[in-house]
Amino acid sequence: MNFSKCALLAAFLGGLAPFLLPNAQALASVPVYFDSTNGWHRHIQYHPEQPARIEACIKALGERVPSADLVDVAVDESTLPNGAIHRPFSEEELSYARDMLIRVHKPELVTNLEKRCRDSRQRRIDEGKAPLGFVGHIDDDTYLTTETYDVCLRATAAWIRAVGEGISGKRTAMALTRPPGHHATTGLSNGFCVFNFAAAAAVHALESNPNLKVSIFDWDVHYGQGVADIVKNHPRARYVSIHQSPAFPYMGDKREVLGEHNNILTLPIVADTS
């Protein structure tokens, strides 16, 4: 694939870090989709992947760009920040997001996590406890609460809504979501990541227009092996990752083009250990 002739889906997939905001006027017309109830997915102890990531970004946007179009997709308005618009998803949007997750993951990965979270929530309700509770770990780094599945479903729908606005020519949009997703492979949640939102949004874009090409740009400390695992099977998509090496997941440590369709480009930056 010619790496210079694709539509660009820019995605900071691994997490959120401090950044310099661009010109305020340029951001003011860009809707930023976020979920103020993303904190329903959180560890019972300290964990580096936490709701404060989203809170800090929303606070920065509110202070620096007071006219920014902050769109909260939470299920209700109880946690709505000042200045945000409440625009929850329809059942059709959430159902479609689930369909896209099943398109990019093994169906049992999605359905098993859905059942585990929702069954745990119902069990707590039946026992007279609050619905929100900690469920357990998928691996040492990746955890579940009773609300993780639904938080991730809304995050997927946010990515799809934002990408949909872009490919329709309506406007540029941004999805500010957590947990991250770029380590989630076809059949495995790992590295803080439960589902792969970027891959789901990319497949949505590809299926919406047979002539469209999609490029995913991932600028993160870590290589998103999950996006590469999924995108490598789509000849009209490409994935470009700039990441530190060595670092989790200890892959992508050479500058090279990979995949049957030559659509995976890894650009590792060697860590300075001096």
C-alpha atoms as a PDB file:
ATOM      1  CA  MET A   1       0.000   0.000   0.000  1.00  0.00           C
ATOM      2  CA  ASN A   2       1.177   3.491  -0.813  1.00  0.00           C
ATOM      3  CA  PHE A   3       1.621   5.115   2.588  1.00  0.00           C
ATOM      4  CA  SER A   4       1.064   8.610   1.157  1.00  0.00           C
ATOM      5  CA  LYS A   5      -2.396   8.153  -0.319  1.00  0.00           C
ATOM      6  CA  CYS A   6      -4.810   7.380   2.495  1.00  0.00           C
ATOM      7  CA  ALA A   7      -7.432   9.244   4.447  1.00  0.00           C
ATOM      8  CA  LEU A   8      -6.085   9.883   7.950  1.00  0.00           C
ATOM      9  CA  LEU A   9      -7.685   8.700  11.172  1.00  0.00           C
ATOM     10  CA  ALA A  10      -5.339  10.201  13.759  1.00  0.00           C
ATOM     11  CA  ALA A  11      -5.561   8.252  16.982  1.00  0.00           C
ATOM     12  CA  PHE A  12      -3.625   8.564  20.230  1.00  0.00           C
ATOM     13  CA  LEU A  13      -4.501   5.055  21.253  1.00  0.00           C
ATOM     14  CA  GLY A  14      -2.538   3.980  24.268  1.00  0.00           C
ATOM     15  CA  GLY A  15      -3.579   6.640  26.728  1.00  0.00           C
ATOM     16  CA  LEU A  16      -3.536  10.323  27.420  1.00  0.00           C
ATOM     17  CA  ALA A  17      -0.520  12.426  28.326  1.00  0.00           C
ATOM     18  CA  PRO A  18       0.141  16.130  28.963  1.00  0.00           C
ATOM     19  CA  PHE A  19      -0.079  18.061  25.707  1.00  0.00           C
ATOM     20  CA  LEU A  20      -0.080  21.609  24.330  1.00  0.00           C
ATOM     21  CA  LEU A  21      -3.459  22.667  23.039  1.00  0.00           C
ATOM     22  CA  PRO A  22      -3.484  24.153  19.534  1.00  0.00           C
ATOM     23  CA  ASN A  23      -5.080  27.443  18.612  1.00  0.00           C
ATOM     24  CA  ALA A  24      -8.259  27.903  20.662  1.00  0.00           C
ATOM     25  CA  GLN A  25     -10.271  29.107  17.677  1.00  0.00           C
ATOM     26  CA  ALA A  26      -9.396  25.946  15.742  1.00  0.00           C
ATOM     27  CA  LEU A  27     -10.612  23.719  18.582  1.00  0.00           C
ATOM     28  CA  ALA A  28     -13.806  25.624  19.261  1.00  0.00           C
ATOM     29  CA  SER A  29     -15.689  24.015  16.364  1.00  0.00           C
ATOM     30  CA  VAL A  30     -14.487  20.469  17.093  1.00  0.00           C
ATOM     31  CA  PRO A  31     -16.872  18.317  19.163  1.00  0.00           C
ATOM     32  CA  VAL A  32     -15.084  16.352  21.878  1.00  0.00           C
ATOM     33  CA  TYR A  33     -17.031  13.240  22.856  1.00  0.00           C
ATOM     34  CA  PHE A  34     -16.365  11.952  26.373  1.00  0.00           C
ATOM     35  CA  ASP A  35     -18.122   9.936  29.065  1.00  0.00           C
ATOM     36  CA  SER A  36     -18.266  11.552  32.502  1.00  0.00           C
ATOM     37  CA  THR A  37     -19.198   8.140  33.931  1.00  0.00           C
ATOM     38  CA  ASN A  38     -15.984   6.540  32.635  1.00  0.00           C
ATOM     39  CA  GLY A  39     -14.948   6.399  36.316  1.00  0.00           C
ATOM     40  CA  TRP A  40     -17.288   3.448  36.754  1.00  0.00           C
ATOM     41  CA  HIS A  41     -14.333   1.548  35.300  1.00  0.00           C
ATOM     42  CA  ARG A  42     -11.681   2.020  37.959  1.00  0.00           C
ATOM     43  CA  HIS A  43      -9.494  -0.092  40.211  1.00  0.00           C
ATOM     44  CA  ILE A  44     -10.169  -0.365  43.957  1.00  0.00           C
ATOM     45  CA  GLN A  45      -6.503   0.466  44.571  1.00  0.00           C
ATOM     46  CA  TYR A  46      -4.118   2.858  42.826  1.00  0.00           C
ATOM     47  CA  HIS A  47      -3.755   2.118  39.139  1.00  0.00           C
ATOM     48  CA  PRO A  48      -1.954   4.287  36.552  1.00  0.00           C
ATOM     49  CA  GLU A  49      -4.886   3.942  34.142  1.00  0.00           C
ATOM     50  CA  GLN A  50      -7.502   6.007  35.967  1.00  0.00           C
ATOM     51  CA  PRO A  51     -10.398   8.449  35.458  1.00  0.00           C
ATOM     52  CA  ALA A  52      -8.165  11.423  36.295  1.00  0.00           C
ATOM     53  CA  ARG A  53      -6.776  11.141  32.770  1.00  0.00           C
ATOM     54  CA  ILE A  54     -10.087  12.218  31.251  1.00  0.00           C
ATOM     55  CA  GLU A  55     -10.869  14.693  34.023  1.00  0.00           C
ATOM     56  CA  ALA A  56      -7.569  16.529  33.487  1.00  0.00           C
ATOM     57  CA  CYS A  57      -8.151  16.818  29.746  1.00  0.00           C
ATOM     58  CA  ILE A  58     -11.736  18.051  30.112  1.00  0.00           C
ATOM     59  CA  LYS A  59     -10.608  20.590  32.728  1.00  0.00           C
ATOM     60  CA  ALA A  60      -7.819  21.829  30.427  1.00  0.00           C
ATOM     61  CA  LEU A  61     -10.191  22.154  27.493  1.00  0.00           C
ATOM     62  CA  GLY A  62     -12.758  23.986  29.602  1.00  0.00           C
ATOM     63  CA  GLU A  63     -10.188  26.483  30.858  1.00  0.00           C
ATOM     64  CA  ARG A  64      -8.264  27.030  27.642  1.00  0.00           C
ATOM     65  CA  VAL A  65     -11.116  26.732  25.155  1.00  0.00           C
ATOM     66  CA  PRO A  66     -14.298  27.887  26.931  1.00  0.00           C
ATOM     67  CA  SER A  67     -16.305  27.661  23.702  1.00  0.00           C
ATOM     68  CA  ALA A  68     -15.162  24.098  22.941  1.00  0.00           C
ATOM     69  CA  ASP A  69     -17.982  21.717  22.072  1.00  0.00           C
ATOM     70  CA  LEU A  70     -17.703  19.272  24.990  1.00  0.00           C
ATOM     71  CA  VAL A  71     -20.248  16.495  24.433  1.00  0.00           C
ATOM     72  CA  ASP A  72     -20.925  14.110  27.324  1.00  0.00           C
ATOM     73  CA  VAL A  73     -22.248  10.699  26.243  1.00  0.00           C
ATOM     74  CA  ALA A  74     -22.880   9.464  29.806  1.00  0.00           C
ATOM     75  CA  VAL A  75     -26.052   7.502  30.507  1.00  0.00           C
ATOM     76  CA  ASP A  76     -27.479  10.323  32.616  1.00  0.00           C
ATOM     77  CA  GLU A  77     -26.732  13.942  33.508  1.00  0.00           C
ATOM     78  CA  SER A  78     -25.767  13.415  37.154  1.00  0.00           C
ATOM     79  CA  THR A  79     -22.041  13.749  36.436  1.00  0.00           C
ATOM     80  CA  LEU A  80     -22.283  16.335  33.665  1.00  0.00           C
ATOM     81  CA  PRO A  81     -19.431  18.891  33.947  1.00  0.00           C
ATOM     82  CA  ASN A  82     -20.188  22.588  33.646  1.00  0.00           C
ATOM     83  CA  GLY A  83     -20.398  23.729  30.060  1.00  0.00           C
ATOM     84  CA  ALA A  84     -20.846  20.257  28.589  1.00  0.00           C
ATOM     85  CA  ILE A  85     -23.705  19.171  26.349  1.00  0.00           C
ATOM     86  CA  HIS A  86     -25.455  15.903  27.192  1.00  0.00           C
ATOM     87  CA  ARG A  87     -25.943  13.752  24.107  1.00  0.00           C
ATOM     88  CA  PRO A  88     -26.287  10.080  25.119  1.00  0.00           C
ATOM     89  CA  PHE A  89     -26.284   7.244  22.613  1.00  0.00           C
ATOM     90  CA  SER A  90     -29.420   5.638  21.271  1.00  0.00           C
ATOM     91  CA  GLU A  91     -29.970   1.921  21.670  1.00  0.00           C
ATOM     92  CA  GLU A  92     -29.345   1.611  17.929  1.00  0.00           C
ATOM     93  CA  GLU A  93     -25.928   3.288  18.251  1.00  0.00           C
ATOM     94  CA  LEU A  94     -24.921   1.031  21.138  1.00  0.00           C
ATOM     95  CA  SER A  95     -26.145  -2.073  19.324  1.00  0.00           C
ATOM     96  CA  TYR A  96     -24.135  -1.074  16.259  1.00  0.00           C
ATOM     97  CA  ALA A  97     -21.048  -0.453  18.411  1.00  0.00           C
ATOM     98  CA  ARG A  98     -21.418  -3.977  19.810  1.00  0.00           C
ATOM     99  CA  ASP A  99     -21.676  -5.330  16.260  1.00  0.00           C
ATOM    100  CA  MET A 100     -18.432  -3.552  15.339  1.00  0.00           C
ATOM    101  CA  LEU A 101     -16.665  -4.997  18.383  1.00  0.00           C
ATOM    102  CA  ILE A 102     -17.738  -8.461  17.316  1.00  0.00           C
ATOM    103  CA  ARG A 103     -16.446  -7.700  13.807  1.00  0.00           C
ATOM    104  CA  VAL A 104     -12.923  -6.958  15.060  1.00  0.00           C
ATOM    105  CA  HIS A 105     -12.741  -9.392  17.992  1.00  0.00           C
ATOM    106  CA  LYS A 106     -13.598 -13.034  18.409  1.00  0.00           C
ATOM    107  CA  PRO A 107     -17.308 -12.984  19.335  1.00  0.00           C
ATOM    108  CA  GLU A 108     -16.706 -14.945  22.534  1.00  0.00           C
ATOM    109  CA  LEU A 109     -14.295 -12.263  23.813  1.00  0.00           C
ATOM    110  CA  VAL A 110     -17.071  -9.678  23.616  1.00  0.00           C
ATOM    111  CA  THR A 111     -19.939 -11.841  24.822  1.00  0.00           C
ATOM    112  CA  ASN A 112     -17.979 -13.406  27.702  1.00  0.00           C
ATOM    113  CA  LEU A 113     -16.913 -10.013  29.066  1.00  0.00           C
ATOM    114  CA  GLU A 114     -20.430  -8.662  28.618  1.00  0.00           C
ATOM    115  CA  LYS A 115     -21.863 -11.591  30.580  1.00  0.00           C
ATOM    116  CA  ARG A 116     -19.197 -11.465  33.290  1.00  0.00           C
ATOM    117  CA  CYS A 117     -19.772  -7.760  33.988  1.00  0.00           C
ATOM    118  CA  ARG A 118     -23.551  -7.776  33.803  1.00  0.00           C
ATOM    119  CA  ASP A 119     -23.979 -11.011  35.770  1.00  0.00           C
ATOM    120  CA  SER A 120     -21.741  -9.578  38.511  1.00  0.00           C
ATOM    121  CA  ARG A 121     -23.808  -6.393  38.592  1.00  0.00           C
ATOM    122  CA  GLN A 122     -27.073  -8.328  38.870  1.00  0.00           C
ATOM    123  CA  ARG A 123     -25.627 -10.521  41.606  1.00  0.00           C
ATOM    124  CA  ARG A 124     -24.754  -7.441  43.634  1.00  0.00           C
ATOM    125  CA  ILE A 125     -28.249  -6.040  43.161  1.00  0.00           C
ATOM    126  CA  ASP A 126     -29.808  -9.351  44.231  1.00  0.00           C
ATOM    127  CA  GLU A 127     -27.625  -9.242  47.370  1.00  0.00           C
ATOM    128  CA  GLY A 128     -28.834  -5.733  48.196  1.00  0.00           C
ATOM    129  CA  LYS A 129     -25.503  -4.095  47.317  1.00  0.00           C
ATOM    130  CA  ALA A 130     -24.757  -1.105  45.102  1.00  0.00           C
ATOM    131  CA  PRO A 131     -24.605  -2.154  41.420  1.00  0.00           C
ATOM    132  CA  LEU A 132     -21.065  -0.834  40.940  1.00  0.00           C
ATOM    133  CA  GLY A 133     -18.372  -3.172  42.212  1.00  0.00           C
ATOM    134  CA  PHE A 134     -14.982  -4.615  41.399  1.00  0.00           C
ATOM    135  CA  VAL A 135     -15.116  -7.886  39.445  1.00  0.00           C
ATOM    136  CA  GLY A 136     -11.475  -8.907  39.103  1.00  0.00           C
ATOM    137  CA  HIS A 137      -8.528  -9.108  36.742  1.00  0.00           C
ATOM    138  CA  ILE A 138      -8.106 -10.305  33.174  1.00  0.00           C
ATOM    139  CA  ASP A 139      -4.328 -10.128  33.651  1.00  0.00           C
ATOM    140  CA  ASP A 140      -2.006  -8.349  36.068  1.00  0.00           C
ATOM    141  CA  ASP A 141      -2.613  -4.984  34.368  1.00  0.00           C
ATOM    142  CA  THR A 142      -6.176  -5.247  33.081  1.00  0.00           C
ATOM    143  CA  TYR A 143      -9.188  -5.275  35.379  1.00  0.00           C
ATOM    144  CA  LEU A 144     -12.990  -5.325  35.265  1.00  0.00           C
ATOM    145  CA  THR A 145     -15.786  -3.718  37.236  1.00  0.00           C
ATOM    146  CA  THR A 146     -19.479  -4.425  36.880  1.00  0.00           C
ATOM    147  CA  GLU A 147     -19.666  -1.408  34.527  1.00  0.00           C
ATOM    148  CA  THR A 148     -16.545  -2.002  32.417  1.00  0.00           C
ATOM    149  CA  TYR A 149     -18.385  -3.561  29.499  1.00  0.00           C
ATOM    150  CA  ASP A 150     -20.851  -0.688  29.228  1.00  0.00           C
ATOM    151  CA  VAL A 151     -18.166   1.988  29.679  1.00  0.00           C
ATOM    152  CA  CYS A 152     -16.268   0.334  26.822  1.00  0.00           C
ATOM    153  CA  LEU A 153     -19.402   0.061  24.704  1.00  0.00           C
ATOM    154  CA  ARG A 154     -19.996   3.823  25.054  1.00  0.00           C
ATOM    155  CA  ALA A 155     -16.317   4.465  24.246  1.00  0.00           C
ATOM    156  CA  THR A 156     -16.647   2.391  21.066  1.00  0.00           C
ATOM    157  CA  ALA A 157     -19.791   4.280  20.091  1.00  0.00           C
ATOM    158  CA  ALA A 158     -17.988   7.594  20.726  1.00  0.00           C
ATOM    159  CA  TRP A 159     -15.168   6.637  18.356  1.00  0.00           C
ATOM    160  CA  ILE A 160     -17.684   5.522  15.725  1.00  0.00           C
ATOM    161  CA  ARG A 161     -19.710   8.724  16.078  1.00  0.00           C
ATOM    162  CA  ALA A 162     -16.592  10.894  15.796  1.00  0.00           C
ATOM    163  CA  VAL A 163     -15.226   8.989  12.798  1.00  0.00           C
ATOM    164  CA  GLY A 164     -18.662   9.036  11.201  1.00  0.00           C
ATOM    165  CA  GLU A 165     -18.749  12.812  11.329  1.00  0.00           C
ATOM    166  CA  GLY A 166     -15.327  12.963   9.716  1.00  0.00           C
ATOM    167  CA  ILE A 167     -15.992  10.601   6.832  1.00  0.00           C
ATOM    168  CA  SER A 168     -19.359  12.252   6.116  1.00  0.00           C
ATOM    169  CA  GLY A 169     -17.550  15.548   5.627  1.00  0.00           C
ATOM    170  CA  LYS A 170     -19.639  17.140   8.380  1.00  0.00           C
ATOM    171  CA  ARG A 171     -16.729  18.168  10.626  1.00  0.00           C
ATOM    172  CA  THR A 172     -13.653  16.935  12.435  1.00  0.00           C
ATOM    173  CA  ALA A 173     -14.455  15.314  15.785  1.00  0.00           C
ATOM    174  CA  MET A 174     -12.551  13.795  18.692  1.00  0.00           C
ATOM    175  CA  ALA A 175     -13.296  10.914  21.061  1.00  0.00           C
ATOM    176  CA  LEU A 176     -11.679  11.309  24.491  1.00  0.00           C
ATOM    177  CA  THR A 177     -12.194   7.900  26.072  1.00  0.00           C
ATOM    178  CA  ARG A 178     -10.842   5.311  28.461  1.00  0.00           C
ATOM    179  CA  PRO A 179      -9.806   2.607  29.119  1.00  0.00           C
ATOM    180  CA  PRO A 180      -7.314   2.617  26.244  1.00  0.00           C
ATOM    181  CA  GLY A 181      -7.683   0.024  23.512  1.00  0.00           C
ATOM    182  CA  HIS A 182      -4.655  -0.384  21.278  1.00  0.00           C
ATOM    183  CA  HIS A 183      -3.237  -3.501  22.983  1.00  0.00           C
ATOM    184  CA  ALA A 184      -6.473  -5.513  22.648  1.00  0.00           C
ATOM    185  CA  THR A 185      -5.963  -8.100  19.908  1.00  0.00           C
ATOM    186  CA  THR A 186      -8.521 -10.150  18.028  1.00  0.00           C
ATOM    187  CA  GLY A 187      -8.857 -12.584  20.911  1.00  0.00           C
ATOM    188  CA  LEU A 188      -7.126 -11.071  23.936  1.00  0.00           C
ATOM    189  CA  SER A 189      -7.708  -8.127  26.285  1.00  0.00           C
ATOM    190  CA  ASN A 190      -4.397  -7.012  27.795  1.00  0.00           C
ATOM    191  CA  GLY A 191      -2.208  -4.077  28.786  1.00  0.00           C
ATOM    192  CA  PHE A 192      -5.035  -1.990  30.383  1.00  0.00           C
ATOM    193  CA  CYS A 193      -7.064  -2.515  27.159  1.00  0.00           C
ATOM    194  CA  VAL A 194     -10.367  -4.379  27.071  1.00  0.00           C
ATOM    195  CA  PHE A 195     -11.633  -3.724  23.514  1.00  0.00           C
ATOM    196  CA  ASN A 196     -10.014  -2.110  20.482  1.00  0.00           C
ATOM    197  CA  PHE A 197     -11.970   1.089  19.784  1.00  0.00           C
ATOM    198  CA  ALA A 198      -9.665   2.300  16.998  1.00  0.00           C
ATOM    199  CA  ALA A 199      -9.954  -0.942  15.058  1.00  0.00           C
ATOM    200  CA  ALA A 200     -13.743  -0.955  15.450  1.00  0.00           C
ATOM    201  CA  ALA A 201     -13.977   2.655  14.220  1.00  0.00           C
ATOM    202  CA  ALA A 202     -11.643   1.925  11.310  1.00  0.00           C
ATOM    203  CA  VAL A 203     -13.694  -1.072  10.180  1.00  0.00           C
ATOM    204  CA  HIS A 204     -16.841   1.058  10.488  1.00  0.00           C
ATOM    205  CA  ALA A 205     -15.235   3.644   8.184  1.00  0.00           C
ATOM    206  CA  LEU A 206     -14.103   1.014   5.667  1.00  0.00           C
ATOM    207  CA  GLU A 207     -17.511  -0.627   5.503  1.00  0.00           C
ATOM    208  CA  SER A 208     -19.301   2.703   5.129  1.00  0.00           C
ATOM    209  CA  ASN A 209     -17.487   3.491   1.882  1.00  0.00           C
ATOM    210  CA  PRO A 210     -15.885   0.835  -0.369  1.00  0.00           C
ATOM    211  CA  ASN A 211     -13.587   3.469  -1.910  1.00  0.00           C
ATOM    212  CA  LEU A 212     -12.241   4.800   1.380  1.00  0.00           C
ATOM    213  CA  LYS A 213      -8.759   4.131   2.723  1.00  0.00           C
ATOM    214  CA  VAL A 214      -8.052   4.613   6.424  1.00  0.00           C
ATOM    215  CA  SER A 215      -4.779   5.405   8.158  1.00  0.00           C
ATOM    216  CA  ILE A 216      -4.397   5.022  11.923  1.00  0.00           C
ATOM    217  CA  PHE A 217      -1.566   7.008  13.480  1.00  0.00           C
ATOM    218  CA  ASP A 218      -0.589   5.866  16.973  1.00  0.00           C
ATOM    219  CA  TRP A 219       1.833   8.068  18.923  1.00  0.00           C
ATOM    220  CA  ASP A 220       2.366   6.462  22.291  1.00  0.00           C
ATOM    221  CA  VAL A 221       5.092   5.070  24.536  1.00  0.00           C
ATOM    222  CA  HIS A 222       3.834   1.576  23.697  1.00  0.00           C
ATOM    223  CA  TYR A 223       3.364  -0.252  20.410  1.00  0.00           C
ATOM    224  CA  GLY A 224      -0.290  -1.075  19.746  1.00  0.00           C
ATOM    225  CA  GLN A 225       0.113  -4.690  18.742  1.00  0.00           C
ATOM    226  CA  GLY A 226      -3.648  -5.133  19.005  1.00  0.00           C
ATOM    227  CA  VAL A 227      -4.390  -2.614  16.259  1.00  0.00           C
ATOM    228  CA  ALA A 228      -1.690  -4.185  14.094  1.00  0.00           C
ATOM    229  CA  ASP A 229      -3.148  -7.651  14.717  1.00  0.00           C
ATOM    230  CA  ILE A 230      -6.572  -6.552  13.456  1.00  0.00           C
ATOM    231  CA  VAL A 231      -5.672  -4.023  10.748  1.00  0.00           C
ATOM    232  CA  LYS A 232      -3.197  -6.348   9.019  1.00  0.00           C
ATOM    233  CA  ASN A 233      -6.208  -8.200   7.586  1.00  0.00           C
ATOM    234  CA  HIS A 234      -7.685  -5.087   5.931  1.00  0.00           C
ATOM    235  CA  PRO A 235      -5.882  -4.058   2.731  1.00  0.00           C
ATOM    236  CA  ARG A 236      -7.539  -0.604   2.647  1.00  0.00           C
ATOM    237  CA  ALA A 237      -6.320   0.254   6.136  1.00  0.00           C
ATOM    238  CA  ARG A 238      -2.849   0.995   7.431  1.00  0.00           C
ATOM    239  CA  TYR A 239      -1.408   1.368  10.896  1.00  0.00           C
ATOM    240  CA  VAL A 240       1.594   3.536  11.760  1.00  0.00           C
ATOM    241  CA  SER A 241       3.057   3.403  15.275  1.00  0.00           C
ATOM    242  CA  ILE A 242       5.724   5.616  16.836  1.00  0.00           C
ATOM    243  CA  HIS A 243       6.709   4.097  20.171  1.00  0.00           C
ATOM    244  CA  GLN A 244       9.510   3.556  22.650  1.00  0.00           C
ATOM    245  CA  SER A 245      11.684   0.464  22.471  1.00  0.00           C
ATOM    246  CA  PRO A 246      12.113  -1.554  24.577  1.00  0.00           C
ATOM    247  CA  ALA A 247       8.728  -1.256  26.267  1.00  0.00           C
ATOM    248  CA  PHE A 248       5.566  -3.318  26.676  1.00  0.00           C
ATOM    249  CA  PRO A 249       4.443  -5.329  24.716  1.00  0.00           C
ATOM    250  CA  TYR A 250       8.081  -5.901  23.653  1.00  0.00           C
ATOM    251  CA  MET A 251       7.198  -6.064  19.977  1.00  0.00           C
ATOM    252  CA  GLY A 252       7.665  -3.711  17.052  1.00  0.00           C
ATOM    253  CA  ASP A 253      11.300  -3.158  17.989  1.00  0.00           C
ATOM    254  CA  LYS A 254      12.474  -2.767  14.374  1.00  0.00           C
ATOM    255  CA  ARG A 255      11.721  -0.053  11.839  1.00  0.00           C
ATOM    256  CA  GLU A 256       9.897  -2.051   9.192  1.00  0.00           C
ATOM    257  CA  VAL A 257       6.788  -2.570   7.108  1.00  0.00           C
ATOM    258  CA  LEU A 258       4.838  -5.696   8.051  1.00  0.00           C
ATOM    259  CA  GLY A 259       1.813  -7.751   7.078  1.00  0.00           C
ATOM    260  CA  GLU A 260       0.507  -9.554   4.022  1.00  0.00           C
ATOM    261  CA  HIS A 261      -0.734  -6.213   2.671  1.00  0.00           C
ATOM    262  CA  ASN A 262       2.369  -4.244   3.734  1.00  0.00           C
ATOM    263  CA  ASN A 263       0.119  -1.992   5.773  1.00  0.00           C
ATOM    264  CA  ILE A 264       1.772  -2.036   9.203  1.00  0.00           C
ATOM    265  CA  LEU A 265       4.633   0.445   9.772  1.00  0.00           C
ATOM    266  CA  THR A 266       6.594   0.353  13.028  1.00  0.00           C
ATOM    267  CA  LEU A 267       8.785   3.309  13.978  1.00  0.00           C
ATOM    268  CA  PRO A 268      10.461   2.487  17.299  1.00  0.00           C
ATOM    269  CA  ILE A 269      12.461   5.096  19.207  1.00  0.00           C
ATOM    270  CA  VAL A 270      15.222   3.525  21.273  1.00  0.00           C
ATOM    271  CA  ALA A 271      15.003   4.536  24.935  1.00  0.00           C
ATOM    272  CA  ASP A 272      17.960   6.455  26.340  1.00  0.00           C
ATOM    273  CA  THR A 273      19.144   4.375  29.308  1.00  0.00           C
ATOM    274  CA  SER A 274      22.239   6.462  30.051  1.00  0.00           C
END
